Amino acid sequence: YYTCCPEPYVDITFTLHIRRRTLYY
């Protein structure tokens, strides 16, 4: 809910969780 508008705004948020492989470094 934003302060400018009383209507709700819906979003879908995906979080890509990745881990670096350290062999090269």
PDB file of all heavy atoms in Angstrom:
ATOM      1  N   TYR A   1       0.862  -1.187   0.000  1.00  0.00           N
ATOM      2  CA  TYR A   1       0.000   0.000   0.000  1.00  0.00           C
ATOM      3  C   TYR A   1       0.898   1.237   0.000  1.00  0.00           C
ATOM      4  O   TYR A   1       1.719   1.432   0.905  1.00  0.00           O
ATOM      5  CB  TYR A   1      -0.898   0.018   1.234  1.00  0.00           C
ATOM      6  CG  TYR A   1      -1.983  -1.042   1.201  1.00  0.00           C
ATOM      7  CD1 TYR A   1      -1.751  -2.308   1.718  1.00  0.00           C
ATOM      8  CD2 TYR A   1      -3.245  -0.759   0.674  1.00  0.00           C
ATOM      9  CE1 TYR A   1      -2.737  -3.271   1.705  1.00  0.00           C
ATOM     10  CE2 TYR A   1      -4.243  -1.722   0.662  1.00  0.00           C
ATOM     11  CZ  TYR A   1      -3.987  -2.980   1.167  1.00  0.00           C
ATOM     12  OH  TYR A   1      -4.980  -3.936   1.136  1.00  0.00           O
ATOM     13  N   TYR A   2       0.778   2.035  -1.015  1.00  0.00           N
ATOM     14  CA  TYR A   2       1.562   3.253  -1.122  1.00  0.00           C
ATOM     15  C   TYR A   2       0.806   4.429  -0.504  1.00  0.00           C
ATOM     16  O   TYR A   2      -0.435   4.414  -0.403  1.00  0.00           O
ATOM     17  CB  TYR A   2       1.891   3.563  -2.583  1.00  0.00           C
ATOM     18  CG  TYR A   2       2.786   2.509  -3.222  1.00  0.00           C
ATOM     19  CD1 TYR A   2       2.236   1.523  -4.029  1.00  0.00           C
ATOM     20  CD2 TYR A   2       4.156   2.516  -3.007  1.00  0.00           C
ATOM     21  CE1 TYR A   2       3.047   0.553  -4.627  1.00  0.00           C
ATOM     22  CE2 TYR A   2       4.977   1.559  -3.593  1.00  0.00           C
ATOM     23  CZ  TYR A   2       4.406   0.578  -4.398  1.00  0.00           C
ATOM     24  OH  TYR A   2       5.204  -0.378  -4.971  1.00  0.00           O
ATOM     25  N   THR A   3       1.546   5.423  -0.102  1.00  0.00           N
ATOM     26  CA  THR A   3       0.923   6.585   0.545  1.00  0.00           C
ATOM     27  C   THR A   3       0.083   7.408  -0.429  1.00  0.00           C
ATOM     28  O   THR A   3      -0.827   8.119  -0.018  1.00  0.00           O
ATOM     29  CB  THR A   3       2.013   7.480   1.161  1.00  0.00           C
ATOM     30  OG1 THR A   3       2.943   7.854   0.139  1.00  0.00           O
ATOM     31  CG2 THR A   3       2.753   6.735   2.266  1.00  0.00           C
ATOM     32  N   CYS A   4       0.410   7.274  -1.716  1.00  0.00           N
ATOM     33  CA  CYS A   4      -0.321   8.080  -2.695  1.00  0.00           C
ATOM     34  C   CYS A   4      -1.700   7.523  -3.009  1.00  0.00           C
ATOM     35  O   CYS A   4      -2.617   8.262  -3.368  1.00  0.00           O
ATOM     36  CB  CYS A   4       0.477   8.188  -3.993  1.00  0.00           C
ATOM     37  SG  CYS A   4       0.714   6.604  -4.818  1.00  0.00           S
ATOM     38  N   CYS A   5      -1.840   6.200  -2.872  1.00  0.00           N
ATOM     39  CA  CYS A   5      -3.055   5.550  -3.360  1.00  0.00           C
ATOM     40  C   CYS A   5      -3.585   4.580  -2.304  1.00  0.00           C
ATOM     41  O   CYS A   5      -2.798   3.881  -1.650  1.00  0.00           O
ATOM     42  CB  CYS A   5      -2.787   4.798  -4.655  1.00  0.00           C
ATOM     43  SG  CYS A   5      -1.903   5.780  -5.905  1.00  0.00           S
ATOM     44  N   PRO A   6      -4.904   4.506  -2.166  1.00  0.00           N
ATOM     45  CA  PRO A   6      -5.473   3.568  -1.188  1.00  0.00           C
ATOM     46  C   PRO A   6      -5.541   2.137  -1.712  1.00  0.00           C
ATOM     47  O   PRO A   6      -5.749   1.202  -0.927  1.00  0.00           O
ATOM     48  CB  PRO A   6      -6.883   4.132  -0.944  1.00  0.00           C
ATOM     49  CG  PRO A   6      -7.227   4.841  -2.223  1.00  0.00           C
ATOM     50  CD  PRO A   6      -5.941   5.382  -2.757  1.00  0.00           C
ATOM     51  N   GLU A   7      -5.405   1.938  -3.033  1.00  0.00           N
ATOM     52  CA  GLU A   7      -5.520   0.597  -3.590  1.00  0.00           C
ATOM     53  C   GLU A   7      -4.263  -0.214  -3.300  1.00  0.00           C
ATOM     54  O   GLU A   7      -3.159   0.322  -3.262  1.00  0.00           O
ATOM     55  CB  GLU A   7      -5.738   0.652  -5.112  1.00  0.00           C
ATOM     56  CG  GLU A   7      -7.007   1.358  -5.546  1.00  0.00           C
ATOM     57  CD  GLU A   7      -6.808   2.865  -5.634  1.00  0.00           C
ATOM     58  OE1 GLU A   7      -5.648   3.316  -5.403  1.00  0.00           O
ATOM     59  OE2 GLU A   7      -7.787   3.581  -5.889  1.00  0.00           O
ATOM     60  N   PRO A   8      -4.429  -1.506  -3.110  1.00  0.00           N
ATOM     61  CA  PRO A   8      -3.254  -2.365  -2.932  1.00  0.00           C
ATOM     62  C   PRO A   8      -2.594  -2.669  -4.284  1.00  0.00           C
ATOM     63  O   PRO A   8      -3.263  -2.729  -5.320  1.00  0.00           O
ATOM     64  CB  PRO A   8      -3.839  -3.630  -2.299  1.00  0.00           C
ATOM     65  CG  PRO A   8      -5.237  -3.681  -2.821  1.00  0.00           C
ATOM     66  CD  PRO A   8      -5.702  -2.259  -2.970  1.00  0.00           C
ATOM     67  N   TYR A   9      -1.301  -2.848  -4.251  1.00  0.00           N
ATOM     68  CA  TYR A   9      -0.544  -3.218  -5.439  1.00  0.00           C
ATOM     69  C   TYR A   9       0.181  -4.535  -5.144  1.00  0.00           C
ATOM     70  O   TYR A   9       0.913  -4.658  -4.167  1.00  0.00           O
ATOM     71  CB  TYR A   9       0.455  -2.131  -5.826  1.00  0.00           C
ATOM     72  CG  TYR A   9      -0.212  -0.910  -6.419  1.00  0.00           C
ATOM     73  CD1 TYR A   9      -0.693   0.105  -5.595  1.00  0.00           C
ATOM     74  CD2 TYR A   9      -0.379  -0.788  -7.786  1.00  0.00           C
ATOM     75  CE1 TYR A   9      -1.318   1.220  -6.130  1.00  0.00           C
ATOM     76  CE2 TYR A   9      -0.993   0.330  -8.340  1.00  0.00           C
ATOM     77  CZ  TYR A   9      -1.464   1.327  -7.508  1.00  0.00           C
ATOM     78  OH  TYR A   9      -2.094   2.431  -8.045  1.00  0.00           O
ATOM     79  N   VAL A  10      -0.086  -5.497  -6.027  1.00  0.00           N
ATOM     80  CA  VAL A  10       0.405  -6.862  -5.821  1.00  0.00           C
ATOM     81  C   VAL A  10       1.573  -7.126  -6.762  1.00  0.00           C
ATOM     82  O   VAL A  10       1.547  -6.739  -7.935  1.00  0.00           O
ATOM     83  CB  VAL A  10      -0.722  -7.888  -6.068  1.00  0.00           C
ATOM     84  CG1 VAL A  10      -0.230  -9.297  -5.753  1.00  0.00           C
ATOM     85  CG2 VAL A  10      -1.943  -7.549  -5.221  1.00  0.00           C
ATOM     86  N   ASP A  11       2.592  -7.767  -6.231  1.00  0.00           N
ATOM     87  CA  ASP A  11       3.724  -8.188  -7.061  1.00  0.00           C
ATOM     88  C   ASP A  11       4.197  -9.553  -6.599  1.00  0.00           C
ATOM     89  O   ASP A  11       3.961  -9.969  -5.467  1.00  0.00           O
ATOM     90  CB  ASP A  11       4.874  -7.171  -6.992  1.00  0.00           C
ATOM     91  CG  ASP A  11       5.513  -7.102  -5.620  1.00  0.00           C
ATOM     92  OD1 ASP A  11       6.333  -7.985  -5.290  1.00  0.00           O
ATOM     93  OD2 ASP A  11       5.173  -6.160  -4.852  1.00  0.00           O
ATOM     94  N   ILE A  12       4.845 -10.244  -7.510  1.00  0.00           N
ATOM     95  CA  ILE A  12       5.466 -11.541  -7.232  1.00  0.00           C
ATOM     96  C   ILE A  12       6.977 -11.351  -7.326  1.00  0.00           C
ATOM     97  O   ILE A  12       7.500 -10.937  -8.366  1.00  0.00           O
ATOM     98  CB  ILE A  12       5.008 -12.622  -8.221  1.00  0.00           C
ATOM     99  CG1 ILE A  12       3.478 -12.778  -8.165  1.00  0.00           C
ATOM    100  CG2 ILE A  12       5.688 -13.947  -7.928  1.00  0.00           C
ATOM    101  CD1 ILE A  12       2.957 -13.312  -6.860  1.00  0.00           C
ATOM    102  N   THR A  13       7.670 -11.641  -6.235  1.00  0.00           N
ATOM    103  CA  THR A  13       9.119 -11.444  -6.179  1.00  0.00           C
ATOM    104  C   THR A  13       9.803 -12.793  -6.003  1.00  0.00           C
ATOM    105  O   THR A  13       9.561 -13.490  -5.014  1.00  0.00           O
ATOM    106  CB  THR A  13       9.505 -10.512  -5.024  1.00  0.00           C
ATOM    107  OG1 THR A  13       8.852  -9.243  -5.199  1.00  0.00           O
ATOM    108  CG2 THR A  13      11.000 -10.289  -4.993  1.00  0.00           C
ATOM    109  N   PHE A  14      10.648 -13.125  -6.963  1.00  0.00           N
ATOM    110  CA  PHE A  14      11.469 -14.337  -6.886  1.00  0.00           C
ATOM    111  C   PHE A  14      12.895 -13.938  -6.514  1.00  0.00           C
ATOM    112  O   PHE A  14      13.429 -12.938  -7.010  1.00  0.00           O
ATOM    113  CB  PHE A  14      11.475 -15.075  -8.221  1.00  0.00           C
ATOM    114  CG  PHE A  14      10.189 -15.794  -8.517  1.00  0.00           C
ATOM    115  CD1 PHE A  14       9.154 -15.156  -9.180  1.00  0.00           C
ATOM    116  CD2 PHE A  14      10.012 -17.112  -8.120  1.00  0.00           C
ATOM    117  CE1 PHE A  14       7.972 -15.813  -9.456  1.00  0.00           C
ATOM    118  CE2 PHE A  14       8.831 -17.768  -8.390  1.00  0.00           C
ATOM    119  CZ  PHE A  14       7.801 -17.121  -9.059  1.00  0.00           C
ATOM    120  N   THR A  15      13.503 -14.740  -5.660  1.00  0.00           N
ATOM    121  CA  THR A  15      14.871 -14.490  -5.200  1.00  0.00           C
ATOM    122  C   THR A  15      15.767 -15.610  -5.682  1.00  0.00           C
ATOM    123  O   THR A  15      15.627 -16.762  -5.257  1.00  0.00           O
ATOM    124  CB  THR A  15      14.933 -14.389  -3.669  1.00  0.00           C
ATOM    125  OG1 THR A  15      14.041 -13.363  -3.221  1.00  0.00           O
ATOM    126  CG2 THR A  15      16.348 -14.057  -3.205  1.00  0.00           C
ATOM    127  N   LEU A  16      16.688 -15.263  -6.562  1.00  0.00           N
ATOM    128  CA  LEU A  16      17.642 -16.238  -7.089  1.00  0.00           C
ATOM    129  C   LEU A  16      18.848 -16.300  -6.152  1.00  0.00           C
ATOM    130  O   LEU A  16      19.635 -15.355  -6.075  1.00  0.00           O
ATOM    131  CB  LEU A  16      18.067 -15.837  -8.503  1.00  0.00           C
ATOM    132  CG  LEU A  16      19.051 -16.772  -9.213  1.00  0.00           C
ATOM    133  CD1 LEU A  16      18.429 -18.142  -9.430  1.00  0.00           C
ATOM    134  CD2 LEU A  16      19.509 -16.174 -10.531  1.00  0.00           C
ATOM    135  N   HIS A  17      18.971 -17.414  -5.450  1.00  0.00           N
ATOM    136  CA  HIS A  17      20.063 -17.600  -4.495  1.00  0.00           C
ATOM    137  C   HIS A  17      21.131 -18.473  -5.149  1.00  0.00           C
ATOM    138  O   HIS A  17      20.893 -19.654  -5.434  1.00  0.00           O
ATOM    139  CB  HIS A  17      19.544 -18.258  -3.218  1.00  0.00           C
ATOM    140  CG  HIS A  17      20.566 -18.344  -2.135  1.00  0.00           C
ATOM    141  ND1 HIS A  17      20.373 -19.046  -0.963  1.00  0.00           N
ATOM    142  CD2 HIS A  17      21.817 -17.805  -2.035  1.00  0.00           C
ATOM    143  CE1 HIS A  17      21.444 -18.940  -0.205  1.00  0.00           C
ATOM    144  NE2 HIS A  17      22.335 -18.195  -0.831  1.00  0.00           N
ATOM    145  N   ILE A  18      22.306 -17.886  -5.385  1.00  0.00           N
ATOM    146  CA  ILE A  18      23.397 -18.599  -6.041  1.00  0.00           C
ATOM    147  C   ILE A  18      24.657 -18.487  -5.204  1.00  0.00           C
ATOM    148  O   ILE A  18      24.814 -17.561  -4.403  1.00  0.00           O
ATOM    149  CB  ILE A  18      23.652 -18.049  -7.467  1.00  0.00           C
ATOM    150  CG1 ILE A  18      23.856 -16.536  -7.429  1.00  0.00           C
ATOM    151  CG2 ILE A  18      22.526 -18.419  -8.398  1.00  0.00           C
ATOM    152  CD1 ILE A  18      24.146 -15.917  -8.778  1.00  0.00           C
ATOM    153  N   ARG A  19      25.544 -19.456  -5.393  1.00  0.00           N
ATOM    154  CA  ARG A  19      26.809 -19.497  -4.646  1.00  0.00           C
ATOM    155  C   ARG A  19      27.944 -19.692  -5.633  1.00  0.00           C
ATOM    156  O   ARG A  19      27.902 -20.559  -6.505  1.00  0.00           O
ATOM    157  CB  ARG A  19      26.795 -20.619  -3.622  1.00  0.00           C
ATOM    158  CG  ARG A  19      28.089 -20.799  -2.838  1.00  0.00           C
ATOM    159  CD  ARG A  19      27.909 -21.816  -1.736  1.00  0.00           C
ATOM    160  NE  ARG A  19      26.941 -21.336  -0.754  1.00  0.00           N
ATOM    161  CZ  ARG A  19      26.419 -22.099   0.211  1.00  0.00           C
ATOM    162  NH1 ARG A  19      26.766 -23.372   0.311  1.00  0.00           N
ATOM    163  NH2 ARG A  19      25.551 -21.573   1.053  1.00  0.00           N
ATOM    164  N   ARG A  20      29.003 -18.903  -5.458  1.00  0.00           N
ATOM    165  CA  ARG A  20      30.118 -18.943  -6.394  1.00  0.00           C
ATOM    166  C   ARG A  20      30.987 -20.174  -6.152  1.00  0.00           C
ATOM    167  O   ARG A  20      31.287 -20.533  -5.018  1.00  0.00           O
ATOM    168  CB  ARG A  20      30.974 -17.684  -6.232  1.00  0.00           C
ATOM    169  CG  ARG A  20      31.999 -17.504  -7.346  1.00  0.00           C
ATOM    170  CD  ARG A  20      32.938 -16.352  -7.009  1.00  0.00           C
ATOM    171  NE  ARG A  20      32.219 -15.133  -6.753  1.00  0.00           N
ATOM    172  CZ  ARG A  20      31.904 -14.241  -7.696  1.00  0.00           C
ATOM    173  NH1 ARG A  20      32.246 -14.466  -8.944  1.00  0.00           N
ATOM    174  NH2 ARG A  20      31.242 -13.137  -7.380  1.00  0.00           N
ATOM    175  N   ARG A  21      31.394 -20.790  -7.260  1.00  0.00           N
ATOM    176  CA  ARG A  21      32.356 -21.872  -7.175  1.00  0.00           C
ATOM    177  C   ARG A  21      33.773 -21.281  -7.134  1.00  0.00           C
ATOM    178  O   ARG A  21      34.124 -20.465  -7.977  1.00  0.00           O
ATOM    179  CB  ARG A  21      32.223 -22.810  -8.377  1.00  0.00           C
ATOM    180  CG  ARG A  21      30.899 -23.571  -8.406  1.00  0.00           C
ATOM    181  CD  ARG A  21      30.860 -24.533  -9.574  1.00  0.00           C
ATOM    182  NE  ARG A  21      29.672 -25.376  -9.542  1.00  0.00           N
ATOM    183  CZ  ARG A  21      29.426 -26.340 -10.426  1.00  0.00           C
ATOM    184  NH1 ARG A  21      30.283 -26.566 -11.403  1.00  0.00           N
ATOM    185  NH2 ARG A  21      28.329 -27.058 -10.321  1.00  0.00           N
ATOM    186  N   THR A  22      34.568 -21.725  -6.163  1.00  0.00           N
ATOM    187  CA  THR A  22      35.841 -21.062  -5.882  1.00  0.00           C
ATOM    188  C   THR A  22      37.037 -21.770  -6.500  1.00  0.00           C
ATOM    189  O   THR A  22      38.172 -21.344  -6.281  1.00  0.00           O
ATOM    190  CB  THR A  22      36.055 -20.979  -4.368  1.00  0.00           C
ATOM    191  OG1 THR A  22      36.025 -22.303  -3.817  1.00  0.00           O
ATOM    192  CG2 THR A  22      34.961 -20.151  -3.716  1.00  0.00           C
ATOM    193  N   LEU A  23      36.823 -22.844  -7.254  1.00  0.00           N
ATOM    194  CA  LEU A  23      37.959 -23.581  -7.801  1.00  0.00           C
ATOM    195  C   LEU A  23      38.761 -22.721  -8.769  1.00  0.00           C
ATOM    196  O   LEU A  23      39.999 -22.694  -8.726  1.00  0.00           O
ATOM    197  CB  LEU A  23      37.466 -24.847  -8.500  1.00  0.00           C
ATOM    198  CG  LEU A  23      38.543 -25.791  -9.039  1.00  0.00           C
ATOM    199  CD1 LEU A  23      39.408 -26.311  -7.896  1.00  0.00           C
ATOM    200  CD2 LEU A  23      37.915 -26.946  -9.800  1.00  0.00           C
ATOM    201  N   TYR A  24      38.095 -21.999  -9.641  1.00  0.00           N
ATOM    202  CA  TYR A  24      38.781 -21.152 -10.622  1.00  0.00           C
ATOM    203  C   TYR A  24      39.575 -20.053  -9.928  1.00  0.00           C
ATOM    204  O   TYR A  24      40.752 -19.820 -10.241  1.00  0.00           O
ATOM    205  CB  TYR A  24      37.750 -20.553 -11.573  1.00  0.00           C
ATOM    206  CG  TYR A  24      38.305 -19.497 -12.495  1.00  0.00           C
ATOM    207  CD1 TYR A  24      38.991 -19.838 -13.655  1.00  0.00           C
ATOM    208  CD2 TYR A  24      38.149 -18.144 -12.201  1.00  0.00           C
ATOM    209  CE1 TYR A  24      39.509 -18.870 -14.493  1.00  0.00           C
ATOM    210  CE2 TYR A  24      38.659 -17.164 -13.042  1.00  0.00           C
ATOM    211  CZ  TYR A  24      39.335 -17.538 -14.176  1.00  0.00           C
ATOM    212  OH  TYR A  24      39.847 -16.573 -15.002  1.00  0.00           O
ATOM    213  N   TYR A  25      38.949 -19.373  -8.975  1.00  0.00           N
ATOM    214  CA  TYR A  25      39.625 -18.278  -8.286  1.00  0.00           C
ATOM    215  C   TYR A  25      40.720 -18.801  -7.355  1.00  0.00           C
ATOM    216  O   TYR A  25      41.702 -18.102  -7.097  1.00  0.00           O
ATOM    217  CB  TYR A  25      38.617 -17.455  -7.502  1.00  0.00           C
ATOM    218  CG  TYR A  25      37.620 -16.766  -8.374  1.00  0.00           C
ATOM    219  CD1 TYR A  25      36.387 -17.343  -8.654  1.00  0.00           C
ATOM    220  CD2 TYR A  25      37.901 -15.537  -8.957  1.00  0.00           C
ATOM    221  CE1 TYR A  25      35.467 -16.711  -9.476  1.00  0.00           C
ATOM    222  CE2 TYR A  25      36.990 -14.904  -9.785  1.00  0.00           C
ATOM    223  CZ  TYR A  25      35.772 -15.497 -10.034  1.00  0.00           C
ATOM    224  OH  TYR A  25      34.863 -14.877 -10.850  1.00  0.00           O
TER     225      TYR A  25
END
